[in-house]
Amino acid sequence: MKTKTLKILEEKKSQRSKCLVYTRVMGYHRPVESFNIGKKGEHQQRTHFEESIIY
């Protein structure tokens, strides 16, 4: 499965655009790419979740 995904990504490389990921730090949003190496590592270790909506 992973090989198939990599093949598709390589074929479509010219059509792709860069995506900036922002995160909230100390009350404001910053792009993750501007973090230093330690902060980038900390960001990768975070647990991501989706909140379910209960009606």
C-alpha atoms as a PDB file:
ATOM      1  CA  MET A   1       0.000   0.000   0.000  1.00  0.00           C
ATOM      2  CA  LYS A   2       2.759   2.444   0.924  1.00  0.00           C
ATOM      3  CA  THR A   3       4.592   1.835  -2.357  1.00  0.00           C
ATOM      4  CA  LYS A   4       1.399   2.570  -4.307  1.00  0.00           C
ATOM      5  CA  THR A   5       0.951   5.872  -2.418  1.00  0.00           C
ATOM      6  CA  LEU A   6       4.556   6.906  -3.058  1.00  0.00           C
ATOM      7  CA  LYS A   7       4.177   6.099  -6.752  1.00  0.00           C
ATOM      8  CA  ILE A   8       1.048   8.277  -7.025  1.00  0.00           C
ATOM      9  CA  LEU A   9       2.721  11.146  -5.159  1.00  0.00           C
ATOM     10  CA  GLU A  10       5.735  10.984  -7.457  1.00  0.00           C
ATOM     11  CA  GLU A  11       3.545  11.008 -10.582  1.00  0.00           C
ATOM     12  CA  LYS A  12       1.573  14.048  -9.369  1.00  0.00           C
ATOM     13  CA  LYS A  13       4.593  15.951  -8.003  1.00  0.00           C
ATOM     14  CA  SER A  14       4.313  18.788 -10.550  1.00  0.00           C
ATOM     15  CA  GLN A  15       0.656  19.400  -9.595  1.00  0.00           C
ATOM     16  CA  ARG A  16       1.255  19.587  -5.840  1.00  0.00           C
ATOM     17  CA  SER A  17       1.631  22.799  -3.845  1.00  0.00           C
ATOM     18  CA  LYS A  18       3.299  23.480  -0.520  1.00  0.00           C
ATOM     19  CA  CYS A  19       1.021  23.288   2.508  1.00  0.00           C
ATOM     20  CA  LEU A  20       1.809  25.356   5.593  1.00  0.00           C
ATOM     21  CA  VAL A  21       0.833  23.865   8.938  1.00  0.00           C
ATOM     22  CA  TYR A  22       0.033  26.337  11.706  1.00  0.00           C
ATOM     23  CA  THR A  23      -0.279  25.643  15.411  1.00  0.00           C
ATOM     24  CA  ARG A  24      -1.274  27.738  18.385  1.00  0.00           C
ATOM     25  CA  VAL A  25       1.667  28.815  20.543  1.00  0.00           C
ATOM     26  CA  MET A  26       1.309  31.131  23.540  1.00  0.00           C
ATOM     27  CA  GLY A  27      -2.015  32.526  22.358  1.00  0.00           C
ATOM     28  CA  TYR A  28      -1.242  33.086  18.681  1.00  0.00           C
ATOM     29  CA  HIS A  29      -0.753  30.976  15.546  1.00  0.00           C
ATOM     30  CA  ARG A  30       2.681  30.283  14.036  1.00  0.00           C
ATOM     31  CA  PRO A  31       3.784  28.122  11.102  1.00  0.00           C
ATOM     32  CA  VAL A  32       5.462  24.903  12.259  1.00  0.00           C
ATOM     33  CA  GLU A  33       8.243  25.320   9.666  1.00  0.00           C
ATOM     34  CA  SER A  34       9.525  28.370  11.579  1.00  0.00           C
ATOM     35  CA  PHE A  35      10.081  26.318  14.776  1.00  0.00           C
ATOM     36  CA  ASN A  36      13.569  25.405  15.945  1.00  0.00           C
ATOM     37  CA  ILE A  37      14.584  21.719  15.867  1.00  0.00           C
ATOM     38  CA  GLY A  38      13.508  21.058  19.465  1.00  0.00           C
ATOM     39  CA  LYS A  39      10.071  22.594  19.040  1.00  0.00           C
ATOM     40  CA  LYS A  40       9.538  20.670  15.759  1.00  0.00           C
ATOM     41  CA  GLY A  41      10.276  17.415  17.609  1.00  0.00           C
ATOM     42  CA  GLU A  42       7.856  18.367  20.366  1.00  0.00           C
ATOM     43  CA  HIS A  43       5.169  19.119  17.764  1.00  0.00           C
ATOM     44  CA  GLN A  44       5.621  15.692  16.135  1.00  0.00           C
ATOM     45  CA  GLN A  45       5.126  13.944  19.493  1.00  0.00           C
ATOM     46  CA  ARG A  46       1.770  15.606  20.177  1.00  0.00           C
ATOM     47  CA  THR A  47      -1.343  13.461  20.260  1.00  0.00           C
ATOM     48  CA  HIS A  48      -3.939  14.596  17.715  1.00  0.00           C
ATOM     49  CA  PHE A  49      -7.617  13.922  18.245  1.00  0.00           C
ATOM     50  CA  GLU A  50     -10.983  14.768  16.753  1.00  0.00           C
ATOM     51  CA  GLU A  51     -13.741  15.918  19.043  1.00  0.00           C
ATOM     52  CA  SER A  52     -17.040  14.169  18.464  1.00  0.00           C
ATOM     53  CA  ILE A  53     -20.199  16.242  18.526  1.00  0.00           C
ATOM     54  CA  ILE A  54     -23.005  14.932  20.719  1.00  0.00           C
ATOM     55  CA  TYR A  55     -26.497  16.288  20.074  1.00  0.00           C
END
